[in-house]
């Protein structure tokens, strides 16, 4: 009888909503714990991520690159170069977005297991997809703003880098300190509490450590780019 009641309650739980992550994230995390979904939200996030990649490569001026390579900045060769770049961006988005989400889920899963949680990988994978929706939404917004204002799409207007314009490792760190990445960090802490059942302290420690880890990677990327 008790098992039947639990089954009935699970069936009555509504599916988590991506848009609900904006207005009622706590409710969505409860739904993810009870009824984790993967396929549809993953497809939506992949489409949005691919759109970002397409917009970035489409709004980039390749005339300087073509000139450096001794190619004409206009004409058939330039058009072919841009088309190839756009296709590469789209294909890259289709492959990279789910791969990044999978890696993120694997990290969350490993950390939660170390912390003693009995959460399933499907629950964590679903959580990672819904968290990535917020960061992807930020990417779409920043890319559209950059295109409208004729700015560099690789520098988010919602980051400190847009105000400072630093180079090298510092530029990478400032790019990582960004409104949507901070938002995702806060949601990560809440999600780990709701979905994985971790304590508030443990959830915040994990979320902050992962945020700092992201800044370290961004600094390394900025330093490498500056050395080229």
Foldseek 3Di string as FASTA:
>chain_A
DVVVVLVVVLVPQDAADLVCCVPPLLSSLLNLQSPFDADPLLVVLLVLQLVLLLLQLVLDQCLVVCVVVVHHSDDDVVVVVSVVSNVVSNVCSNPVSLVVLLVVLVVVVVLLVVVPFPFDSSSSSSLSSSLSSLVSVQLNVQSVVCSVVVHNSVQGPQFQCVVVVDAALVSLLRSLRGDSNVVSLVSQLSSCCNNRVDDSVSSNVVSVVVSVVSSNVSNVVRNVVVVD
